[in-house]
Amino acid sequence: MSLGIESMRSHQYSVGIFVFMMISMALFVGIIIGYMKGDAGKGMKTGERVLLLMIGLGVAVAAVFAAVQLLDGFLF
């Protein structure tokens, strides 16, 4: 890993993107949870619940993938 000023700025930029992505993922999952717990979620079919849970699982996997990329190097 290079510790030059350009690589340090690039790393800070990557950290900023990562933080923004985590905030947006948390907001997205919060909206899904709020929808499922609200009145609209009471009439949901089993398949719809499974679909939303799989979307949440995909978001969690994406967060782990992004964290591993950030620890290993730079985000794409």
PDB file of N, CA and C in Angstrom:
ATOM      1  N   MET A   1       0.845  -1.176   0.000  1.00  0.00           N
ATOM      2  CA  MET A   1       0.000   0.000   0.000  1.00  0.00           C
ATOM      3  C   MET A   1       0.890   1.238   0.000  1.00  0.00           C
ATOM      4  N   SER A   2       0.612   2.126  -0.893  1.00  0.00           N
ATOM      5  CA  SER A   2       1.366   3.370  -0.986  1.00  0.00           C
ATOM      6  C   SER A   2       0.821   4.386   0.007  1.00  0.00           C
ATOM      7  N   LEU A   3       1.719   5.080   0.689  1.00  0.00           N
ATOM      8  CA  LEU A   3       1.294   6.082   1.660  1.00  0.00           C
ATOM      9  C   LEU A   3       1.472   7.495   1.132  1.00  0.00           C
ATOM     10  N   GLY A   4       1.556   7.653  -0.191  1.00  0.00           N
ATOM     11  CA  GLY A   4       1.663   8.980  -0.790  1.00  0.00           C
ATOM     12  C   GLY A   4       0.381   9.774  -0.586  1.00  0.00           C
ATOM     13  N   ILE A   5       0.457  11.084  -0.807  1.00  0.00           N
ATOM     14  CA  ILE A   5      -0.686  11.956  -0.558  1.00  0.00           C
ATOM     15  C   ILE A   5      -1.860  11.625  -1.475  1.00  0.00           C
ATOM     16  N   GLU A   6      -1.581  11.241  -2.720  1.00  0.00           N
ATOM     17  CA  GLU A   6      -2.670  10.914  -3.646  1.00  0.00           C
ATOM     18  C   GLU A   6      -3.399   9.646  -3.222  1.00  0.00           C
ATOM     19  N   SER A   7      -2.656   8.641  -2.782  1.00  0.00           N
ATOM     20  CA  SER A   7      -3.317   7.410  -2.360  1.00  0.00           C
ATOM     21  C   SER A   7      -4.087   7.617  -1.063  1.00  0.00           C
ATOM     22  N   MET A   8      -3.591   8.488  -0.184  1.00  0.00           N
ATOM     23  CA  MET A   8      -4.315   8.776   1.053  1.00  0.00           C
ATOM     24  C   MET A   8      -5.628   9.503   0.748  1.00  0.00           C
ATOM     25  N   ARG A   9      -5.600  10.446  -0.187  1.00  0.00           N
ATOM     26  CA  ARG A   9      -6.834  11.144  -0.576  1.00  0.00           C
ATOM     27  C   ARG A   9      -7.807  10.169  -1.224  1.00  0.00           C
ATOM     28  N   SER A  10      -7.290   9.285  -2.049  1.00  0.00           N
ATOM     29  CA  SER A  10      -8.138   8.307  -2.710  1.00  0.00           C
ATOM     30  C   SER A  10      -8.777   7.377  -1.682  1.00  0.00           C
ATOM     31  N   HIS A  11      -8.011   7.005  -0.665  1.00  0.00           N
ATOM     32  CA  HIS A  11      -8.550   6.146   0.386  1.00  0.00           C
ATOM     33  C   HIS A  11      -9.627   6.884   1.174  1.00  0.00           C
ATOM     34  N   GLN A  12      -9.419   8.164   1.477  1.00  0.00           N
ATOM     35  CA  GLN A  12     -10.440   8.945   2.184  1.00  0.00           C
ATOM     36  C   GLN A  12     -11.707   9.041   1.341  1.00  0.00           C
ATOM     37  N   TYR A  13     -11.547   9.193   0.046  1.00  0.00           N
ATOM     38  CA  TYR A  13     -12.689   9.236  -0.868  1.00  0.00           C
ATOM     39  C   TYR A  13     -13.441   7.908  -0.823  1.00  0.00           C
ATOM     40  N   SER A  14     -12.709   6.802  -0.810  1.00  0.00           N
ATOM     41  CA  SER A  14     -13.335   5.482  -0.737  1.00  0.00           C
ATOM     42  C   SER A  14     -14.074   5.299   0.580  1.00  0.00           C
ATOM     43  N   VAL A  15     -13.499   5.777   1.669  1.00  0.00           N
ATOM     44  CA  VAL A  15     -14.168   5.688   2.967  1.00  0.00           C
ATOM     45  C   VAL A  15     -15.450   6.517   2.946  1.00  0.00           C
ATOM     46  N   GLY A  16     -15.404   7.686   2.339  1.00  0.00           N
ATOM     47  CA  GLY A  16     -16.598   8.520   2.230  1.00  0.00           C
ATOM     48  C   GLY A  16     -17.711   7.834   1.451  1.00  0.00           C
ATOM     49  N   ILE A  17     -17.346   7.189   0.345  1.00  0.00           N
ATOM     50  CA  ILE A  17     -18.334   6.444  -0.442  1.00  0.00           C
ATOM     51  C   ILE A  17     -18.908   5.301   0.386  1.00  0.00           C
ATOM     52  N   PHE A  18     -18.056   4.615   1.128  1.00  0.00           N
ATOM     53  CA  PHE A  18     -18.504   3.500   1.960  1.00  0.00           C
ATOM     54  C   PHE A  18     -19.494   3.974   3.022  1.00  0.00           C
ATOM     55  N   VAL A  19     -19.189   5.077   3.696  1.00  0.00           N
ATOM     56  CA  VAL A  19     -20.082   5.605   4.734  1.00  0.00           C
ATOM     57  C   VAL A  19     -21.421   6.013   4.117  1.00  0.00           C
ATOM     58  N   PHE A  20     -21.385   6.699   2.979  1.00  0.00           N
ATOM     59  CA  PHE A  20     -22.621   7.088   2.300  1.00  0.00           C
ATOM     60  C   PHE A  20     -23.439   5.858   1.927  1.00  0.00           C
ATOM     61  N   MET A  21     -22.772   4.809   1.441  1.00  0.00           N
ATOM     62  CA  MET A  21     -23.464   3.588   1.050  1.00  0.00           C
ATOM     63  C   MET A  21     -24.104   2.910   2.262  1.00  0.00           C
ATOM     64  N   MET A  22     -23.408   2.887   3.396  1.00  0.00           N
ATOM     65  CA  MET A  22     -23.965   2.276   4.601  1.00  0.00           C
ATOM     66  C   MET A  22     -25.193   3.048   5.095  1.00  0.00           C
ATOM     67  N   ILE A  23     -25.132   4.375   5.031  1.00  0.00           N
ATOM     68  CA  ILE A  23     -26.275   5.191   5.454  1.00  0.00           C
ATOM     69  C   ILE A  23     -27.472   4.940   4.539  1.00  0.00           C
ATOM     70  N   SER A  24     -27.230   4.893   3.241  1.00  0.00           N
ATOM     71  CA  SER A  24     -28.336   4.665   2.304  1.00  0.00           C
ATOM     72  C   SER A  24     -28.909   3.255   2.452  1.00  0.00           C
ATOM     73  N   MET A  25     -28.060   2.265   2.726  1.00  0.00           N
ATOM     74  CA  MET A  25     -28.555   0.906   2.953  1.00  0.00           C
ATOM     75  C   MET A  25     -29.397   0.841   4.221  1.00  0.00           C
ATOM     76  N   ALA A  26     -28.951   1.512   5.285  1.00  0.00           N
ATOM     77  CA  ALA A  26     -29.710   1.521   6.533  1.00  0.00           C
ATOM     78  C   ALA A  26     -31.074   2.180   6.324  1.00  0.00           C
ATOM     79  N   LEU A  27     -31.112   3.255   5.569  1.00  0.00           N
ATOM     80  CA  LEU A  27     -32.376   3.923   5.268  1.00  0.00           C
ATOM     81  C   LEU A  27     -33.295   2.999   4.466  1.00  0.00           C
ATOM     82  N   PHE A  28     -32.747   2.316   3.477  1.00  0.00           N
ATOM     83  CA  PHE A  28     -33.521   1.402   2.644  1.00  0.00           C
ATOM     84  C   PHE A  28     -34.105   0.262   3.477  1.00  0.00           C
ATOM     85  N   VAL A  29     -33.282  -0.341   4.335  1.00  0.00           N
ATOM     86  CA  VAL A  29     -33.759  -1.434   5.187  1.00  0.00           C
ATOM     87  C   VAL A  29     -34.786  -0.904   6.190  1.00  0.00           C
ATOM     88  N   GLY A  30     -34.578   0.303   6.696  1.00  0.00           N
ATOM     89  CA  GLY A  30     -35.552   0.907   7.608  1.00  0.00           C
ATOM     90  C   GLY A  30     -36.906   1.100   6.949  1.00  0.00           C
ATOM     91  N   ILE A  31     -36.910   1.516   5.696  1.00  0.00           N
ATOM     92  CA  ILE A  31     -38.168   1.674   4.961  1.00  0.00           C
ATOM     93  C   ILE A  31     -38.854   0.320   4.789  1.00  0.00           C
ATOM     94  N   ILE A  32     -38.083  -0.712   4.471  1.00  0.00           N
ATOM     95  CA  ILE A  32     -38.664  -2.051   4.310  1.00  0.00           C
ATOM     96  C   ILE A  32     -39.268  -2.529   5.625  1.00  0.00           C
ATOM     97  N   ILE A  33     -38.533  -2.369   6.727  1.00  0.00           N
ATOM     98  CA  ILE A  33     -39.038  -2.805   8.033  1.00  0.00           C
ATOM     99  C   ILE A  33     -40.279  -2.009   8.417  1.00  0.00           C
ATOM    100  N   GLY A  34     -40.248  -0.699   8.190  1.00  0.00           N
ATOM    101  CA  GLY A  34     -41.420   0.124   8.484  1.00  0.00           C
ATOM    102  C   GLY A  34     -42.630  -0.288   7.667  1.00  0.00           C
ATOM    103  N   TYR A  35     -42.414  -0.637   6.414  1.00  0.00           N
ATOM    104  CA  TYR A  35     -43.501  -1.083   5.545  1.00  0.00           C
ATOM    105  C   TYR A  35     -44.071  -2.407   6.034  1.00  0.00           C
ATOM    106  N   MET A  36     -43.197  -3.327   6.435  1.00  0.00           N
ATOM    107  CA  MET A  36     -43.659  -4.640   6.878  1.00  0.00           C
ATOM    108  C   MET A  36     -44.404  -4.561   8.207  1.00  0.00           C
ATOM    109  N   LYS A  37     -44.019  -3.622   9.077  1.00  0.00           N
ATOM    110  CA  LYS A  37     -44.674  -3.498  10.382  1.00  0.00           C
ATOM    111  C   LYS A  37     -45.930  -2.633  10.330  1.00  0.00           C
ATOM    112  N   GLY A  38     -46.086  -1.863   9.278  1.00  0.00           N
ATOM    113  CA  GLY A  38     -47.238  -0.971   9.155  1.00  0.00           C
ATOM    114  C   GLY A  38     -48.497  -1.699   8.725  1.00  0.00           C
ATOM    115  N   ASP A  39     -49.542  -0.915   8.474  1.00  0.00           N
ATOM    116  CA  ASP A  39     -50.821  -1.488   8.050  1.00  0.00           C
ATOM    117  C   ASP A  39     -50.702  -2.189   6.702  1.00  0.00           C
ATOM    118  N   ALA A  40     -49.879  -1.671   5.821  1.00  0.00           N
ATOM    119  CA  ALA A  40     -49.718  -2.287   4.503  1.00  0.00           C
ATOM    120  C   ALA A  40     -49.067  -3.664   4.616  1.00  0.00           C
ATOM    121  N   GLY A  41     -48.231  -3.853   5.622  1.00  0.00           N
ATOM    122  CA  GLY A  41     -47.550  -5.133   5.794  1.00  0.00           C
ATOM    123  C   GLY A  41     -48.446  -6.235   6.311  1.00  0.00           C
ATOM    124  N   LYS A  42     -49.573  -5.868   6.918  1.00  0.00           N
ATOM    125  CA  LYS A  42     -50.476  -6.876   7.478  1.00  0.00           C
ATOM    126  C   LYS A  42     -51.154  -7.694   6.377  1.00  0.00           C
ATOM    127  N   GLY A  43     -51.389  -7.088   5.227  1.00  0.00           N
ATOM    128  CA  GLY A  43     -52.053  -7.797   4.141  1.00  0.00           C
ATOM    129  C   GLY A  43     -51.095  -8.432   3.153  1.00  0.00           C
ATOM    130  N   MET A  44     -49.825  -8.495   3.502  1.00  0.00           N
ATOM    131  CA  MET A  44     -48.837  -9.055   2.579  1.00  0.00           C
ATOM    132  C   MET A  44     -48.943 -10.572   2.532  1.00  0.00           C
ATOM    133  N   LYS A  45     -48.742 -11.113   1.353  1.00  0.00           N
ATOM    134  CA  LYS A  45     -48.728 -12.562   1.184  1.00  0.00           C
ATOM    135  C   LYS A  45     -47.376 -13.098   1.638  1.00  0.00           C
ATOM    136  N   THR A  46     -47.309 -14.398   1.826  1.00  0.00           N
ATOM    137  CA  THR A  46     -46.071 -15.031   2.281  1.00  0.00           C
ATOM    138  C   THR A  46     -44.943 -14.810   1.282  1.00  0.00           C
ATOM    139  N   GLY A  47     -45.245 -14.920   0.002  1.00  0.00           N
ATOM    140  CA  GLY A  47     -44.221 -14.716  -1.026  1.00  0.00           C
ATOM    141  C   GLY A  47     -43.666 -13.302  -1.016  1.00  0.00           C
ATOM    142  N   GLU A  48     -44.534 -12.324  -0.748  1.00  0.00           N
ATOM    143  CA  GLU A  48     -44.077 -10.935  -0.677  1.00  0.00           C
ATOM    144  C   GLU A  48     -43.160 -10.725   0.522  1.00  0.00           C
ATOM    145  N   ARG A  49     -43.495 -11.359   1.640  1.00  0.00           N
ATOM    146  CA  ARG A  49     -42.632 -11.261   2.830  1.00  0.00           C
ATOM    147  C   ARG A  49     -41.260 -11.880   2.555  1.00  0.00           C
ATOM    148  N   VAL A  50     -41.270 -13.044   1.903  1.00  0.00           N
ATOM    149  CA  VAL A  50     -40.008 -13.712   1.570  1.00  0.00           C
ATOM    150  C   VAL A  50     -39.190 -12.839   0.626  1.00  0.00           C
ATOM    151  N   LEU A  51     -39.848 -12.219  -0.345  1.00  0.00           N
ATOM    152  CA  LEU A  51     -39.157 -11.348  -1.289  1.00  0.00           C
ATOM    153  C   LEU A  51     -38.480 -10.188  -0.561  1.00  0.00           C
ATOM    154  N   LEU A  52     -39.190  -9.527   0.341  1.00  0.00           N
ATOM    155  CA  LEU A  52     -38.601  -8.406   1.077  1.00  0.00           C
ATOM    156  C   LEU A  52     -37.468  -8.864   1.996  1.00  0.00           C
ATOM    157  N   LEU A  53     -37.618 -10.043   2.593  1.00  0.00           N
ATOM    158  CA  LEU A  53     -36.536 -10.571   3.431  1.00  0.00           C
ATOM    159  C   LEU A  53     -35.302 -10.901   2.593  1.00  0.00           C
ATOM    160  N   MET A  54     -35.505 -11.432   1.389  1.00  0.00           N
ATOM    161  CA  MET A  54     -34.369 -11.718   0.504  1.00  0.00           C
ATOM    162  C   MET A  54     -33.688 -10.431   0.042  1.00  0.00           C
ATOM    163  N   ILE A  55     -34.469  -9.376  -0.187  1.00  0.00           N
ATOM    164  CA  ILE A  55     -33.872  -8.082  -0.532  1.00  0.00           C
ATOM    165  C   ILE A  55     -33.027  -7.589   0.635  1.00  0.00           C
ATOM    166  N   GLY A  56     -33.539  -7.721   1.858  1.00  0.00           N
ATOM    167  CA  GLY A  56     -32.766  -7.337   3.044  1.00  0.00           C
ATOM    168  C   GLY A  56     -31.495  -8.153   3.180  1.00  0.00           C
ATOM    169  N   LEU A  57     -31.575  -9.444   2.904  1.00  0.00           N
ATOM    170  CA  LEU A  57     -30.386 -10.297   2.949  1.00  0.00           C
ATOM    171  C   LEU A  57     -29.375  -9.867   1.891  1.00  0.00           C
ATOM    172  N   GLY A  58     -29.858  -9.516   0.711  1.00  0.00           N
ATOM    173  CA  GLY A  58     -28.968  -9.026  -0.345  1.00  0.00           C
ATOM    174  C   GLY A  58     -28.266  -7.744   0.052  1.00  0.00           C
ATOM    175  N   VAL A  59     -28.977  -6.868   0.740  1.00  0.00           N
ATOM    176  CA  VAL A  59     -28.375  -5.623   1.219  1.00  0.00           C
ATOM    177  C   VAL A  59     -27.284  -5.931   2.241  1.00  0.00           C
ATOM    178  N   ALA A  60     -27.542  -6.883   3.136  1.00  0.00           N
ATOM    179  CA  ALA A  60     -26.537  -7.254   4.137  1.00  0.00           C
ATOM    180  C   ALA A  60     -25.294  -7.849   3.473  1.00  0.00           C
ATOM    181  N   VAL A  61     -25.485  -8.704   2.486  1.00  0.00           N
ATOM    182  CA  VAL A  61     -24.349  -9.295   1.770  1.00  0.00           C
ATOM    183  C   VAL A  61     -23.565  -8.211   1.036  1.00  0.00           C
ATOM    184  N   ALA A  62     -24.270  -7.256   0.442  1.00  0.00           N
ATOM    185  CA  ALA A  62     -23.593  -6.154  -0.247  1.00  0.00           C
ATOM    186  C   ALA A  62     -22.770  -5.320   0.731  1.00  0.00           C
ATOM    187  N   ALA A  63     -23.284  -5.119   1.942  1.00  0.00           N
ATOM    188  CA  ALA A  63     -22.548  -4.358   2.949  1.00  0.00           C
ATOM    189  C   ALA A  63     -21.271  -5.090   3.360  1.00  0.00           C
ATOM    190  N   VAL A  64     -21.362  -6.389   3.540  1.00  0.00           N
ATOM    191  CA  VAL A  64     -20.177  -7.177   3.897  1.00  0.00           C
ATOM    192  C   VAL A  64     -19.163  -7.152   2.758  1.00  0.00           C
ATOM    193  N   PHE A  65     -19.627  -7.298   1.532  1.00  0.00           N
ATOM    194  CA  PHE A  65     -18.745  -7.264   0.364  1.00  0.00           C
ATOM    195  C   PHE A  65     -18.029  -5.922   0.269  1.00  0.00           C
ATOM    196  N   ALA A  66     -18.761  -4.841   0.491  1.00  0.00           N
ATOM    197  CA  ALA A  66     -18.157  -3.503   0.434  1.00  0.00           C
ATOM    198  C   ALA A  66     -17.136  -3.314   1.547  1.00  0.00           C
ATOM    199  N   ALA A  67     -17.431  -3.815   2.740  1.00  0.00           N
ATOM    200  CA  ALA A  67     -16.488  -3.691   3.851  1.00  0.00           C
ATOM    201  C   ALA A  67     -15.208  -4.465   3.568  1.00  0.00           C
ATOM    202  N   VAL A  68     -15.333  -5.651   3.000  1.00  0.00           N
ATOM    203  CA  VAL A  68     -14.150  -6.448   2.663  1.00  0.00           C
ATOM    204  C   VAL A  68     -13.326  -5.747   1.589  1.00  0.00           C
ATOM    205  N   GLN A  69     -13.994  -5.163   0.599  1.00  0.00           N
ATOM    206  CA  GLN A  69     -13.271  -4.422  -0.436  1.00  0.00           C
ATOM    207  C   GLN A  69     -12.532  -3.229   0.158  1.00  0.00           C
ATOM    208  N   LEU A  70     -13.176  -2.529   1.083  1.00  0.00           N
ATOM    209  CA  LEU A  70     -12.548  -1.353   1.673  1.00  0.00           C
ATOM    210  C   LEU A  70     -11.345  -1.755   2.522  1.00  0.00           C
ATOM    211  N   LEU A  71     -11.450  -2.858   3.243  1.00  0.00           N
ATOM    212  CA  LEU A  71     -10.327  -3.309   4.062  1.00  0.00           C
ATOM    213  C   LEU A  71      -9.171  -3.805   3.199  1.00  0.00           C
ATOM    214  N   ASP A  72      -9.503  -4.399   2.055  1.00  0.00           N
ATOM    215  CA  ASP A  72      -8.478  -4.974   1.189  1.00  0.00           C
ATOM    216  C   ASP A  72      -7.854  -3.944   0.255  1.00  0.00           C
ATOM    217  N   GLY A  73      -8.574  -2.933  -0.084  1.00  0.00           N
ATOM    218  CA  GLY A  73      -8.059  -1.958  -1.045  1.00  0.00           C
ATOM    219  C   GLY A  73      -9.026  -0.810  -1.209  1.00  0.00           C
ATOM    220  N   PHE A  74      -9.340  -0.498  -2.438  1.00  0.00           N
ATOM    221  CA  PHE A  74     -10.228   0.618  -2.742  1.00  0.00           C
ATOM    222  C   PHE A  74     -11.517   0.096  -3.355  1.00  0.00           C
ATOM    223  N   LEU A  75     -12.579   0.846  -3.168  1.00  0.00           N
ATOM    224  CA  LEU A  75     -13.840   0.494  -3.800  1.00  0.00           C
ATOM    225  C   LEU A  75     -13.740   0.757  -5.294  1.00  0.00           C
ATOM    226  N   PHE A  76     -14.488   0.013  -6.069  1.00  0.00           N
ATOM    227  CA  PHE A  76     -14.468   0.192  -7.525  1.00  0.00           C
ATOM    228  C   PHE A  76     -15.122   1.493  -7.895  1.00  0.00           C
TER     229      PHE A  76
END
